[in-house]
N, C-alpha and C. Protein backbone atom coordinates (compact mmCIF):
# COMPACT_ATOMS: atom_id res chain seq x y z
N MET A 1 31.89 94.05 88.58
CA MET A 1 32.38 95.43 89.31
C MET A 1 33.66 96.29 88.26
N ARG A 2 34.44 95.27 88.18
CA ARG A 2 35.62 96.14 87.48
C ARG A 2 35.49 97.19 86.34
N PRO A 3 34.39 96.59 85.61
CA PRO A 3 34.02 97.77 84.37
C PRO A 3 33.66 99.03 84.93
N THR A 4 32.58 99.01 85.91
CA THR A 4 32.39 100.20 86.65
C THR A 4 33.21 100.84 87.44
N ILE A 5 34.20 100.41 88.21
CA ILE A 5 35.45 100.88 88.69
C ILE A 5 36.25 101.99 87.93
N VAL A 6 36.53 100.97 86.66
CA VAL A 6 37.51 101.75 85.65
C VAL A 6 36.89 102.89 84.91
N SER A 7 35.51 102.69 84.87
CA SER A 7 34.68 103.92 84.33
C SER A 7 34.66 105.08 85.10
N LEU A 8 34.54 104.99 86.57
CA LEU A 8 34.53 105.95 87.43
C LEU A 8 35.71 106.42 87.62
N ALA A 9 36.98 105.74 87.56
CA ALA A 9 38.18 106.13 87.49
C ALA A 9 38.64 107.06 86.53
N LEU A 10 38.04 106.65 85.24
CA LEU A 10 38.25 107.57 84.18
C LEU A 10 37.76 109.11 84.30
N VAL A 11 36.18 109.01 84.78
CA VAL A 11 35.73 110.33 84.83
C VAL A 11 36.07 111.09 85.91
N LEU A 12 36.64 110.60 87.07
CA LEU A 12 37.25 111.32 88.14
C LEU A 12 38.84 111.82 87.24
N PHE A 13 39.66 111.11 86.60
CA PHE A 13 40.74 111.50 86.18
C PHE A 13 40.39 112.79 85.05
N ALA A 14 39.65 112.50 84.31
CA ALA A 14 39.08 113.73 83.35
C ALA A 14 38.66 114.90 84.40
N THR A 15 37.72 114.85 85.19
CA THR A 15 37.63 115.83 85.78
C THR A 15 38.57 116.88 86.47
N THR A 16 39.56 116.03 87.07
CA THR A 16 40.83 116.41 87.95
C THR A 16 41.59 117.30 86.84
N LEU A 17 41.65 116.66 85.42
CA LEU A 17 42.49 117.50 84.36
C LEU A 17 41.77 118.86 83.67
N VAL A 18 40.39 119.02 83.97
CA VAL A 18 39.71 120.06 83.93
C VAL A 18 40.28 121.27 84.65
N VAL A 19 39.90 120.91 86.18
CA VAL A 19 39.95 121.94 87.17
C VAL A 19 41.55 122.43 87.29
N VAL A 20 42.72 121.55 86.91
CA VAL A 20 43.96 122.11 87.12
C VAL A 20 44.38 122.18 85.96
N ALA A 21 43.97 122.86 84.88
CA ALA A 21 44.72 123.25 83.91
C ALA A 21 45.86 123.92 83.99
N PRO A 22 46.79 123.39 83.25
CA PRO A 22 48.25 123.97 83.33
C PRO A 22 48.43 125.54 83.37
N SER A 23 47.76 126.03 82.15
CA SER A 23 48.10 127.36 81.95
C SER A 23 47.66 128.41 82.89
N GLU A 24 46.12 128.23 83.63
CA GLU A 24 45.90 128.75 84.66
C GLU A 24 46.91 128.43 85.79
N ALA A 25 47.09 127.46 85.83
CA ALA A 25 48.07 127.02 87.63
C ALA A 25 49.38 128.07 87.24
N ALA A 26 49.77 128.40 85.87
CA ALA A 26 51.00 128.97 85.78
C ALA A 26 51.03 130.31 85.95
N ASP A 27 49.43 130.92 85.73
CA ASP A 27 49.12 132.32 85.40
C ASP A 27 48.85 132.71 87.22
N ASN A 28 47.94 131.78 87.61
CA ASN A 28 47.53 132.22 88.87
C ASN A 28 47.89 131.76 90.40
N ALA A 29 48.53 130.76 90.22
CA ALA A 29 48.97 129.98 91.27
C ALA A 29 50.25 129.95 91.48
N SER A 30 51.40 129.53 90.61
CA SER A 30 52.62 129.28 90.63
C SER A 30 53.36 130.53 90.27
N GLY A 31 52.91 131.56 89.74
CA GLY A 31 53.48 132.91 89.31
C GLY A 31 53.82 133.76 90.38
N PRO A 32 54.88 134.59 90.26
CA PRO A 32 55.17 135.51 91.23
C PRO A 32 54.08 136.43 91.63
N LYS A 33 53.98 136.77 92.74
CA LYS A 33 52.99 137.68 93.64
C LYS A 33 53.81 139.03 93.66
N THR A 34 54.48 139.44 92.53
CA THR A 34 54.85 140.70 92.34
C THR A 34 54.38 141.40 90.87
N TRP A 35 54.78 142.56 90.85
CA TRP A 35 54.65 143.10 89.55
C TRP A 35 55.82 144.11 89.23
N ALA A 36 56.29 144.30 87.82
CA ALA A 36 57.47 145.01 87.79
C ALA A 36 57.44 145.65 86.34
N ILE A 37 57.87 146.83 85.92
CA ILE A 37 57.94 147.33 84.84
C ILE A 37 58.84 148.10 84.50
N GLU A 38 59.42 148.22 83.36
CA GLU A 38 60.51 149.11 82.93
C GLU A 38 59.64 149.96 81.43
N GLY A 39 59.63 151.02 81.27
CA GLY A 39 59.07 151.63 80.17
C GLY A 39 59.02 153.18 80.05
N VAL A 40 58.01 153.63 79.30
CA VAL A 40 57.82 155.15 79.12
C VAL A 40 56.36 155.44 79.24
N MET A 41 56.33 156.62 79.93
CA MET A 41 54.76 157.28 79.95
C MET A 41 54.76 158.61 79.05
N THR A 42 54.00 158.86 78.19
CA THR A 42 53.45 159.83 77.42
C THR A 42 52.22 160.19 78.06
N SER A 43 52.29 161.65 78.66
CA SER A 43 51.23 162.37 79.11
C SER A 43 50.87 163.56 78.63
N ALA A 44 49.48 163.64 78.50
CA ALA A 44 48.86 165.22 78.23
C ALA A 44 47.75 165.54 79.07
N CYS A 45 47.45 167.12 79.22
CA CYS A 45 46.51 167.59 80.05
C CYS A 45 46.12 168.71 79.48
N GLN A 46 45.30 169.68 80.26
CA GLN A 46 45.01 170.74 79.91
C GLN A 46 45.70 171.98 80.43
N CYS A 47 46.40 171.94 81.16
CA CYS A 47 47.36 172.92 81.97
C CYS A 47 48.28 173.72 80.55
N THR A 48 48.52 174.88 81.27
CA THR A 48 49.36 175.36 80.41
C THR A 48 50.67 174.87 80.72
N VAL A 49 51.71 174.86 79.73
CA VAL A 49 53.21 174.38 79.86
C VAL A 49 53.79 175.08 80.96
N PHE A 50 54.29 174.60 81.85
CA PHE A 50 54.60 173.11 82.33
C PHE A 50 53.50 172.94 83.38
N CYS A 51 52.78 171.64 83.57
CA CYS A 51 52.04 171.29 84.60
C CYS A 51 52.19 171.70 86.05
N ALA A 52 51.43 172.16 86.35
CA ALA A 52 51.75 172.87 87.82
C ALA A 52 51.76 171.77 88.84
N CYS A 53 50.86 170.61 88.31
CA CYS A 53 51.04 169.32 89.41
C CYS A 53 52.31 168.95 89.94
N GLU A 54 53.50 169.04 88.82
CA GLU A 54 54.51 168.83 89.07
C GLU A 54 55.44 169.46 90.38
N PHE A 55 54.80 170.65 90.59
CA PHE A 55 55.25 171.24 91.76
C PHE A 55 54.31 171.66 92.87
N ASN A 56 53.63 170.46 92.86
CA ASN A 56 52.68 170.38 94.04
C ASN A 56 51.62 171.80 94.13
N GLU A 57 51.12 172.10 92.97
CA GLU A 57 50.48 173.35 92.69
C GLU A 57 48.98 172.65 92.06
N LYS A 58 48.26 173.38 92.44
CA LYS A 58 46.87 172.91 91.80
C LYS A 58 47.02 172.95 90.35
N PRO A 59 46.20 172.37 89.72
CA PRO A 59 46.01 172.26 88.14
C PRO A 59 45.48 173.87 87.59
N THR A 60 46.11 174.23 86.33
CA THR A 60 46.08 175.60 85.97
C THR A 60 44.40 175.90 85.81
N PHE A 61 43.67 174.87 85.35
CA PHE A 61 42.30 175.45 85.02
C PHE A 61 41.43 174.60 86.14
N GLY A 62 42.08 173.97 87.27
CA GLY A 62 41.34 173.75 88.48
C GLY A 62 41.27 172.23 88.57
N HIS A 63 41.37 171.53 87.63
CA HIS A 63 41.31 170.12 87.68
C HIS A 63 42.02 169.39 86.44
N CYS A 64 41.81 168.03 86.35
CA CYS A 64 42.83 167.61 85.18
C CYS A 64 42.13 166.71 84.49
N ASP A 65 41.84 167.09 83.21
CA ASP A 65 41.71 166.11 82.10
C ASP A 65 42.83 165.46 81.65
N ASP A 66 43.12 164.51 82.11
CA ASP A 66 44.42 163.66 81.77
C ASP A 66 44.43 162.64 80.92
N SER A 67 45.24 162.13 79.99
CA SER A 67 45.52 161.24 79.00
C SER A 67 47.02 160.57 79.42
N GLU A 68 47.04 159.11 79.50
CA GLU A 68 48.23 158.62 79.58
C GLU A 68 48.58 157.29 79.00
N LEU A 69 49.47 157.59 78.06
CA LEU A 69 49.95 156.08 77.30
C LEU A 69 51.23 155.32 78.09
N ILE A 70 50.92 154.11 78.58
CA ILE A 70 52.13 153.44 79.41
C ILE A 70 52.68 152.46 78.24
N ARG A 71 53.76 152.54 77.93
CA ARG A 71 54.54 151.73 76.99
C ARG A 71 55.61 150.78 77.68
N ILE A 72 55.06 149.55 77.68
CA ILE A 72 56.06 148.80 78.52
C ILE A 72 57.28 147.98 77.70
N THR A 73 58.39 148.47 78.02
CA THR A 73 59.70 147.62 77.40
C THR A 73 59.87 146.05 77.97
N LYS A 74 59.62 146.52 79.40
CA LYS A 74 59.96 145.15 79.81
C LYS A 74 59.07 144.81 81.43
N GLY A 75 58.50 143.80 81.19
CA GLY A 75 57.55 143.88 82.51
C GLY A 75 56.62 142.84 82.68
N HIS A 76 56.26 142.35 84.02
CA HIS A 76 55.10 141.41 84.49
C HIS A 76 54.24 141.91 85.68
N TYR A 77 53.04 140.90 85.21
CA TYR A 77 52.16 141.16 86.71
C TYR A 77 51.96 139.88 87.22
N GLY A 78 52.44 139.49 88.12
CA GLY A 78 52.25 138.05 88.60
C GLY A 78 52.76 137.01 87.59
N GLY A 79 52.35 136.26 87.11
CA GLY A 79 53.01 135.39 85.89
C GLY A 79 52.52 135.57 84.65
N VAL A 80 52.13 136.62 84.33
CA VAL A 80 51.81 137.28 82.89
C VAL A 80 52.67 138.09 82.40
N ASN A 81 53.44 137.93 81.49
CA ASN A 81 54.61 138.58 80.63
C ASN A 81 54.13 139.66 79.79
N LEU A 82 54.36 140.99 79.97
CA LEU A 82 53.88 142.43 79.48
C LEU A 82 55.13 142.92 78.80
N ASP A 83 55.84 142.37 78.25
CA ASP A 83 56.89 142.93 77.30
C ASP A 83 56.24 143.51 76.13
N GLY A 84 56.40 144.59 75.76
CA GLY A 84 55.93 145.09 74.42
C GLY A 84 54.43 145.89 74.59
N GLN A 85 53.81 145.70 75.79
CA GLN A 85 52.53 146.10 75.75
C GLN A 85 52.18 147.60 76.08
N ARG A 86 50.75 147.61 75.87
CA ARG A 86 50.56 149.24 75.90
C ARG A 86 49.10 149.65 76.41
N ILE A 87 48.91 150.34 77.23
CA ILE A 87 47.57 150.67 77.77
C ILE A 87 47.64 152.22 77.89
N ILE A 88 46.06 152.63 77.35
CA ILE A 88 45.95 154.32 77.50
C ILE A 88 44.87 154.17 78.49
N VAL A 89 45.09 155.40 79.42
CA VAL A 89 44.44 155.66 80.78
C VAL A 89 43.75 157.28 80.71
N ILE A 90 42.48 157.52 80.44
CA ILE A 90 42.03 158.64 80.32
C ILE A 90 40.94 158.99 81.33
N SER A 91 41.56 160.06 82.17
CA SER A 91 40.62 160.41 83.31
C SER A 91 40.40 161.89 83.75
N GLN A 92 39.49 162.34 84.72
CA GLN A 92 39.23 163.24 84.93
C GLN A 92 39.17 163.48 86.57
N SER A 93 39.71 164.42 87.00
CA SER A 93 39.61 164.58 88.49
C SER A 93 38.62 165.70 88.63
N PRO A 94 37.92 165.33 90.13
CA PRO A 94 37.02 166.39 90.35
C PRO A 94 37.48 167.76 90.57
N LYS A 95 36.60 168.71 90.38
CA LYS A 95 36.72 170.22 90.29
C LYS A 95 37.69 170.42 91.55
N GLY A 96 38.80 171.24 91.25
CA GLY A 96 39.60 171.72 92.55
C GLY A 96 40.58 170.71 93.11
N GLU A 97 41.05 169.74 92.49
CA GLU A 97 41.50 168.61 92.98
C GLU A 97 42.62 168.21 91.66
N ARG A 98 43.85 167.66 92.08
CA ARG A 98 44.93 167.19 91.31
C ARG A 98 44.44 165.78 91.30
N LEU A 99 44.77 165.13 90.02
CA LEU A 99 44.58 163.72 89.67
C LEU A 99 45.18 162.87 90.63
N VAL A 100 46.36 163.22 90.95
CA VAL A 100 47.13 162.12 91.87
C VAL A 100 46.69 162.40 93.14
N ASP A 101 45.97 163.25 93.69
CA ASP A 101 45.31 163.18 94.96
C ASP A 101 43.88 162.64 95.20
N ALA A 102 43.37 162.51 93.64
CA ALA A 102 41.95 161.96 93.89
C ALA A 102 41.75 160.77 93.20
N VAL A 103 42.85 160.05 93.00
CA VAL A 103 42.74 158.77 92.70
C VAL A 103 41.88 157.89 93.35
N GLY A 104 41.22 156.96 93.02
CA GLY A 104 39.93 156.43 93.77
C GLY A 104 38.59 157.09 93.72
N LYS A 105 38.29 158.38 93.34
CA LYS A 105 37.34 158.89 93.34
C LYS A 105 37.05 160.20 92.30
N LEU A 106 37.89 159.69 91.15
CA LEU A 106 38.00 160.62 89.79
C LEU A 106 36.52 160.48 89.38
N ASN A 107 36.25 161.56 88.53
CA ASN A 107 34.91 161.65 87.91
C ASN A 107 34.79 160.38 87.12
N PHE A 108 35.93 160.09 86.08
CA PHE A 108 35.73 158.65 85.57
C PHE A 108 37.34 158.22 85.02
N ALA A 109 37.29 157.27 84.89
CA ALA A 109 38.65 156.59 84.06
C ALA A 109 38.12 155.53 83.04
N ARG A 110 38.91 155.56 81.96
CA ARG A 110 38.88 154.57 80.84
C ARG A 110 40.17 154.18 80.53
N LEU A 111 40.21 153.17 80.65
CA LEU A 111 41.53 152.22 80.27
C LEU A 111 41.26 151.30 79.23
N TYR A 112 42.16 151.81 78.18
CA TYR A 112 42.17 151.20 76.81
C TYR A 112 43.21 150.39 76.48
N VAL A 113 42.80 148.99 76.33
CA VAL A 113 43.78 147.92 76.16
C VAL A 113 43.81 147.59 74.71
N ASP A 114 45.20 147.46 74.12
CA ASP A 114 45.00 147.23 72.90
C ASP A 114 44.70 145.64 72.35
N GLU A 115 43.88 145.63 71.06
CA GLU A 115 43.00 144.79 70.95
C GLU A 115 43.80 143.62 70.51
N SER A 116 45.09 143.51 70.40
CA SER A 116 46.26 142.54 70.24
C SER A 116 46.49 141.93 71.55
N ALA A 117 46.25 142.39 72.64
CA ALA A 117 46.81 141.51 74.05
C ALA A 117 45.76 140.89 74.24
N SER A 118 46.53 139.44 74.81
CA SER A 118 45.75 138.46 75.42
C SER A 118 44.59 138.60 76.58
N GLU A 119 43.65 137.84 76.80
CA GLU A 119 42.87 138.21 78.10
C GLU A 119 43.69 138.23 79.01
N ALA A 120 44.67 137.41 79.62
CA ALA A 120 45.32 137.43 80.59
C ALA A 120 45.95 138.71 80.53
N GLN A 121 46.57 139.20 79.56
CA GLN A 121 47.49 140.58 79.42
C GLN A 121 46.55 141.58 79.59
N ALA A 122 45.29 141.65 79.26
CA ALA A 122 44.32 142.79 79.19
C ALA A 122 44.06 142.98 80.68
N GLU A 123 43.93 141.85 81.64
CA GLU A 123 43.35 141.74 82.98
C GLU A 123 44.46 142.25 83.73
N ALA A 124 45.75 141.84 82.98
CA ALA A 124 47.33 142.26 83.79
C ALA A 124 47.33 143.91 83.68
N LEU A 125 47.02 144.41 82.48
CA LEU A 125 47.26 145.59 82.21
C LEU A 125 46.33 146.68 83.01
N ALA A 126 45.16 146.19 83.43
CA ALA A 126 44.11 146.98 83.72
C ALA A 126 44.88 146.86 85.32
N ALA A 127 44.99 145.91 85.78
CA ALA A 127 45.56 145.80 87.33
C ALA A 127 46.85 146.41 87.64
N LEU A 128 47.83 146.76 86.49
CA LEU A 128 49.18 147.33 86.83
C LEU A 128 48.78 148.78 86.45
N ALA A 129 47.71 149.18 85.70
CA ALA A 129 47.02 150.91 85.69
C ALA A 129 46.93 151.03 87.13
N ARG A 130 46.14 150.18 87.60
CA ARG A 130 45.74 150.68 88.82
C ARG A 130 46.84 151.00 89.87
N LYS A 131 47.67 150.19 89.97
CA LYS A 131 48.75 150.17 90.75
C LYS A 131 49.72 151.18 90.57
N ILE A 132 49.93 151.65 89.31
CA ILE A 132 50.55 152.55 89.17
C ILE A 132 49.77 154.17 89.52
N PHE A 133 48.66 154.26 89.18
CA PHE A 133 48.03 155.54 89.60
C PHE A 133 47.95 155.55 91.22
N GLY A 134 47.48 153.90 91.85
CA GLY A 134 47.18 154.04 93.14
C GLY A 134 48.36 154.31 93.98
N ALA A 135 49.79 154.52 93.41
CA ALA A 135 50.96 154.78 94.23
C ALA A 135 50.81 155.96 94.85
N PHE A 136 49.92 156.89 94.33
CA PHE A 136 50.01 158.14 94.95
C PHE A 136 49.13 158.24 96.14
N VAL A 137 47.92 157.49 96.25
CA VAL A 137 46.68 157.31 97.39
C VAL A 137 46.67 156.07 97.84
N GLU A 138 47.31 155.80 99.12
CA GLU A 138 47.48 154.35 99.40
C GLU A 138 46.17 153.98 99.93
N GLY A 139 45.99 152.69 99.70
CA GLY A 139 44.30 151.99 99.77
C GLY A 139 43.54 152.09 98.89
N SER A 140 44.11 152.76 97.61
CA SER A 140 43.21 153.06 96.36
C SER A 140 43.10 151.80 95.64
N GLU A 141 41.93 151.11 95.39
CA GLU A 141 41.83 149.76 94.62
C GLU A 141 41.39 149.93 93.33
N ARG A 142 40.98 151.31 92.90
CA ARG A 142 40.51 151.24 91.62
C ARG A 142 40.70 153.01 91.16
N ILE A 143 40.96 153.02 90.07
CA ILE A 143 41.34 154.51 89.69
C ILE A 143 40.03 155.32 89.83
N SER A 144 38.73 154.76 89.69
CA SER A 144 37.60 155.67 89.73
C SER A 144 36.57 154.47 89.98
N SER A 145 35.54 154.90 90.62
CA SER A 145 34.20 153.92 90.83
C SER A 145 33.64 154.13 89.54
N ASN A 146 33.78 155.15 88.61
CA ASN A 146 33.24 155.14 87.33
C ASN A 146 34.46 154.86 86.31
N GLU A 147 34.51 153.74 86.45
CA GLU A 147 35.96 153.07 85.81
C GLU A 147 35.48 151.63 84.45
N LYS A 148 36.18 151.83 83.44
CA LYS A 148 35.81 151.05 82.60
C LYS A 148 37.23 150.53 81.66
N VAL A 149 37.17 149.36 81.46
CA VAL A 149 38.62 148.64 80.76
C VAL A 149 37.65 148.19 79.24
N GLN A 150 38.27 148.84 78.32
CA GLN A 150 37.77 148.79 76.68
C GLN A 150 38.83 147.92 76.07
N ARG A 151 38.57 147.05 75.06
CA ARG A 151 39.39 147.36 74.12
C ARG A 151 39.30 147.76 73.01
N ALA A 152 40.65 148.41 72.31
CA ALA A 152 40.78 149.28 71.15
C ALA A 152 41.96 148.94 70.58
N LYS A 153 41.74 149.55 69.14
CA LYS A 153 43.01 149.50 68.37
C LYS A 153 43.74 150.90 68.86
N LEU A 154 45.12 150.68 69.44
CA LEU A 154 45.80 151.81 69.78
C LEU A 154 46.84 152.02 68.40
N ASP A 155 46.51 153.04 67.93
CA ASP A 155 47.34 153.54 66.74
C ASP A 155 48.51 154.80 67.27
N VAL A 156 50.06 153.97 67.62
CA VAL A 156 50.93 154.69 68.14
C VAL A 156 52.14 154.94 67.31
N VAL A 157 52.56 156.24 67.22
CA VAL A 157 53.52 156.59 66.18
C VAL A 157 54.70 157.13 67.46
N ILE A 158 56.04 156.39 67.62
CA ILE A 158 56.79 157.21 68.41
C ILE A 158 57.97 157.45 67.62
N GLU A 159 58.26 159.04 67.79
CA GLU A 159 59.53 159.39 66.65
C GLU A 159 60.20 160.33 67.68
N THR A 160 61.52 160.78 67.46
CA THR A 160 62.05 161.49 68.06
C THR A 160 61.68 162.79 68.48
N ASP A 161 61.04 163.51 67.39
CA ASP A 161 60.53 164.84 67.55
C ASP A 161 58.88 165.03 67.49
N ARG A 162 58.24 163.78 67.43
CA ARG A 162 56.76 163.59 67.81
C ARG A 162 56.37 162.19 68.37
N HIS A 163 55.30 162.33 69.09
CA HIS A 163 54.61 161.11 69.41
C HIS A 163 53.21 161.34 68.98
N ARG A 164 52.63 160.43 68.14
CA ARG A 164 51.19 160.64 67.63
C ARG A 164 50.57 159.10 68.41
N ILE A 165 49.42 159.58 69.12
CA ILE A 165 48.41 158.67 69.52
C ILE A 165 46.94 158.75 69.16
N LYS A 166 46.52 157.46 68.77
CA LYS A 166 44.97 157.63 68.30
C LYS A 166 44.39 156.52 68.80
N ILE A 167 43.06 156.42 69.29
CA ILE A 167 42.18 155.73 69.52
C ILE A 167 40.88 156.27 68.53
N PRO A 168 40.83 155.49 67.45
CA PRO A 168 39.79 155.65 66.42
C PRO A 168 38.48 156.38 67.13
N GLY A 169 38.17 157.41 66.74
CA GLY A 169 36.72 157.85 67.29
C GLY A 169 36.57 158.54 68.76
N VAL A 170 37.96 158.20 69.69
CA VAL A 170 38.01 158.49 70.69
C VAL A 170 38.95 159.47 71.29
N LEU A 171 40.36 159.20 70.86
CA LEU A 171 41.53 160.12 71.17
C LEU A 171 42.04 160.45 70.14
N ASP A 172 42.68 161.60 70.05
CA ASP A 172 43.60 162.03 68.93
C ASP A 172 44.32 163.24 69.76
N LEU A 173 45.80 162.60 69.82
CA LEU A 173 47.02 163.19 70.29
C LEU A 173 48.25 163.00 69.77
N GLU A 174 48.79 164.44 69.52
CA GLU A 174 49.98 164.52 69.02
C GLU A 174 50.77 165.73 69.85
N ILE A 175 52.13 165.12 70.07
CA ILE A 175 52.87 166.14 71.00
C ILE A 175 54.23 166.37 70.53
N GLU A 176 54.95 167.42 70.64
CA GLU A 176 56.22 167.70 70.08
C GLU A 176 56.97 168.38 71.48
N PRO A 177 58.30 167.90 71.42
CA PRO A 177 59.32 168.69 72.51
C PRO A 177 59.65 170.02 72.56
N LEU A 178 59.81 170.75 73.51
CA LEU A 178 60.12 172.12 73.62
C LEU A 178 61.77 172.01 73.88
N ARG A 179 62.05 172.43 72.97
CA ARG A 179 63.89 172.32 73.32
C ARG A 179 64.28 173.45 73.93
N GLY A 180 65.46 173.13 74.86
CA GLY A 180 66.03 173.99 75.81
C GLY A 180 67.03 175.01 75.05
N GLY A 181 68.27 175.62 75.84
CA GLY A 181 68.75 176.58 75.47
C GLY A 181 69.96 176.03 74.17
N ASP A 182 70.26 175.08 74.05
CA ASP A 182 70.98 174.35 72.99
C ASP A 182 70.08 174.16 71.76
N GLY A 183 68.71 174.37 71.75
CA GLY A 183 68.22 174.21 70.61
C GLY A 183 68.03 172.82 70.01
N LYS A 184 68.54 171.63 70.83
CA LYS A 184 68.62 170.53 70.63
C LYS A 184 67.76 169.75 71.58
N THR A 185 68.11 169.50 72.80
CA THR A 185 68.04 168.83 73.59
C THR A 185 66.39 169.07 74.57
N PRO A 186 65.30 168.55 74.72
CA PRO A 186 63.94 168.62 75.53
C PRO A 186 64.56 168.91 76.74
N MET A 187 63.76 169.95 77.16
CA MET A 187 63.72 170.54 78.35
C MET A 187 63.40 169.67 79.51
N ALA A 188 63.79 169.34 80.61
CA ALA A 188 63.61 168.52 81.66
C ALA A 188 63.45 168.98 82.98
N VAL A 189 62.80 168.39 84.25
CA VAL A 189 62.43 168.75 85.61
C VAL A 189 63.15 167.70 86.23
N LYS A 190 64.12 168.11 86.83
CA LYS A 190 65.06 167.35 87.62
C LYS A 190 64.31 167.29 89.23
N ASN A 191 64.38 166.31 89.78
CA ASN A 191 64.02 166.17 91.12
C ASN A 191 62.66 166.47 91.38
N HIS A 192 61.93 166.08 90.43
CA HIS A 192 60.42 166.59 90.61
C HIS A 192 59.65 165.59 91.54
N THR A 193 58.44 166.26 92.05
CA THR A 193 57.64 165.61 93.16
C THR A 193 57.41 164.18 93.18
N PHE A 194 57.25 163.29 91.88
CA PHE A 194 56.95 162.02 91.87
C PHE A 194 57.92 161.04 91.54
N SER A 195 59.16 161.52 91.37
CA SER A 195 60.25 160.81 91.48
C SER A 195 60.63 159.75 92.32
N ALA A 196 60.01 160.00 93.32
CA ALA A 196 60.12 158.98 94.46
C ALA A 196 59.40 157.59 94.11
N PHE A 197 58.38 157.93 93.29
CA PHE A 197 57.80 156.51 93.02
C PHE A 197 58.23 155.47 91.85
N GLY A 198 59.50 156.24 91.35
CA GLY A 198 60.14 155.60 90.36
C GLY A 198 59.91 156.09 89.01
N MET A 199 59.27 157.41 88.81
CA MET A 199 59.16 157.85 87.47
C MET A 199 60.17 158.91 87.31
N GLY A 200 60.82 158.66 86.15
CA GLY A 200 62.13 159.48 85.54
C GLY A 200 61.86 161.14 85.29
N ASP A 201 62.82 161.69 85.29
CA ASP A 201 62.76 163.01 84.89
C ASP A 201 61.73 163.33 83.59
N PRO A 202 60.45 164.20 83.96
CA PRO A 202 59.62 164.46 82.63
C PRO A 202 60.50 165.50 81.73
N GLU A 203 60.39 165.30 80.62
CA GLU A 203 60.53 166.01 79.51
C GLU A 203 59.60 166.85 79.06
N VAL A 204 59.77 168.30 79.07
CA VAL A 204 58.65 169.08 78.64
C VAL A 204 58.36 169.34 77.12
N TRP A 205 57.10 168.77 76.93
CA TRP A 205 56.69 168.43 75.63
C TRP A 205 55.27 169.47 75.83
N ARG A 206 54.86 169.67 74.25
CA ARG A 206 53.47 170.30 74.14
C ARG A 206 52.46 169.55 73.42
N SER A 207 51.07 169.88 73.39
CA SER A 207 50.53 169.02 72.46
C SER A 207 50.20 170.32 71.21
N LYS A 208 50.10 169.48 70.02
CA LYS A 208 49.70 170.08 68.97
C LYS A 208 48.18 169.72 68.43
N THR A 209 47.65 168.58 68.81
CA THR A 209 46.41 168.12 68.91
C THR A 209 46.24 167.13 70.30
N TYR A 210 44.95 167.75 70.98
CA TYR A 210 44.64 166.63 71.93
C TYR A 210 43.21 166.78 72.24
N THR A 211 42.31 166.14 71.40
CA THR A 211 41.02 165.93 71.44
C THR A 211 40.64 164.42 71.94
N PHE A 212 39.60 164.48 72.69
CA PHE A 212 38.69 163.45 73.54
C PHE A 212 37.32 163.44 73.37
N LYS A 213 36.93 162.28 72.68
CA LYS A 213 35.46 162.10 72.87
C LYS A 213 34.91 160.77 73.36
N GLY A 214 34.44 160.96 74.72
CA GLY A 214 34.10 159.92 75.77
C GLY A 214 32.47 159.65 75.60
N ASP A 215 32.33 158.95 76.66
CA ASP A 215 30.63 158.27 76.46
C ASP A 215 29.74 159.50 77.26
N THR A 216 30.78 160.31 78.40
CA THR A 216 29.91 161.17 79.09
C THR A 216 30.40 162.77 78.99
N THR A 217 31.61 162.83 78.14
CA THR A 217 32.39 164.20 78.01
C THR A 217 33.18 164.11 76.95
N ALA A 218 33.66 165.36 76.65
CA ALA A 218 34.37 165.50 75.18
C ALA A 218 35.36 166.77 75.54
N TRP A 219 36.70 166.79 75.09
CA TRP A 219 37.44 168.09 75.12
C TRP A 219 38.21 168.50 74.03
N ASP A 220 39.10 169.65 73.87
CA ASP A 220 39.86 169.74 72.96
C ASP A 220 40.83 170.80 73.50
N TYR A 221 41.94 170.16 73.84
CA TYR A 221 42.96 170.91 74.55
C TYR A 221 44.13 171.22 73.48
N SER A 222 44.29 171.21 72.31
CA SER A 222 45.59 171.30 71.27
C SER A 222 46.19 172.67 72.00
N GLY A 223 47.49 172.36 71.95
CA GLY A 223 48.33 173.33 72.44
C GLY A 223 48.73 173.79 73.77
N ARG A 224 48.51 172.70 74.67
CA ARG A 224 48.72 172.66 75.96
C ARG A 224 49.71 171.76 76.62
N ASN A 225 49.82 171.35 77.92
CA ASN A 225 50.88 170.85 78.28
C ASN A 225 51.03 169.22 77.87
N ALA A 226 52.23 168.71 77.81
CA ALA A 226 52.27 167.28 77.56
C ALA A 226 53.90 167.09 77.97
N SER A 227 54.27 165.64 78.44
CA SER A 227 55.33 165.31 78.98
C SER A 227 55.67 163.94 78.42
N VAL A 228 57.00 163.47 78.49
CA VAL A 228 57.38 162.13 78.30
C VAL A 228 58.44 161.97 79.47
N ARG A 229 58.44 160.68 80.02
CA ARG A 229 59.32 160.39 81.11
C ARG A 229 59.52 158.64 81.13
N THR A 230 60.88 158.22 81.64
CA THR A 230 60.63 156.90 82.07
C THR A 230 59.96 156.46 83.00
N LEU A 231 59.52 154.76 83.05
CA LEU A 231 59.10 154.51 84.46
C LEU A 231 60.13 153.12 84.65
N LYS A 232 60.09 153.03 85.96
CA LYS A 232 60.98 151.99 86.29
C LYS A 232 60.03 151.87 88.10
N MET A 233 59.27 150.96 87.85
CA MET A 233 58.41 150.84 89.16
C MET A 233 58.19 149.24 89.43
N SER A 234 57.84 148.90 90.58
CA SER A 234 57.44 147.44 91.32
C SER A 234 56.83 147.78 92.20
N GLY A 235 56.23 146.32 92.62
CA GLY A 235 55.71 146.24 94.18
C GLY A 235 54.87 144.90 94.14
N GLU A 236 54.24 144.77 95.05
CA GLU A 236 53.45 143.58 95.33
C GLU A 236 51.95 143.42 94.94
N ILE A 237 51.47 142.29 94.67
CA ILE A 237 50.20 142.09 94.26
C ILE A 237 49.29 141.87 95.68
């Protein structure tokens, strides 16, 4: 009987090791049930400069064709470290509605995660984007019912006078700042509508190029509104 008991013990021990993999326990069980990020958001839409949504008005052309690059300087989602990660969210609001008012019922949303991110980071970045966009609409669990998360090469160049963001075959966005009276400093909007959510003062930029080609629609809004702002946001998972 002893060999049988020993063999059974070994099988049970091995099974236990598979079930409680240390990496999964660290990310899913013992990780903090909070999220927090510090970073920068680069935005572009089809509004004339400057975006009317910042002042609680309707979009210039009746809806939002929006692109957002979220660059995380420091952050986490649960037990997943997101320092240095990036995600691009491209979406469209229904006719007559601002994007921020229509989160959860947008016409579509595409979440592009950098191909260099791990699987855990990719899942966390998508969840984080839903939290950031959902901050404006209580109870929203998804950005859109027509939502897809895709891996892509994110080609991002950030300079003082230029932001260039490309997803090959999908997005080509280049923006430049509009200078204020001193001829040097970008104009900025103080005490704007979304500051309560942890979004910093938006600097006023303008797109030199803004083209998108998706699976259901395409656009070219070169010469329209863009902005750059800091993010410092946190919450519960």
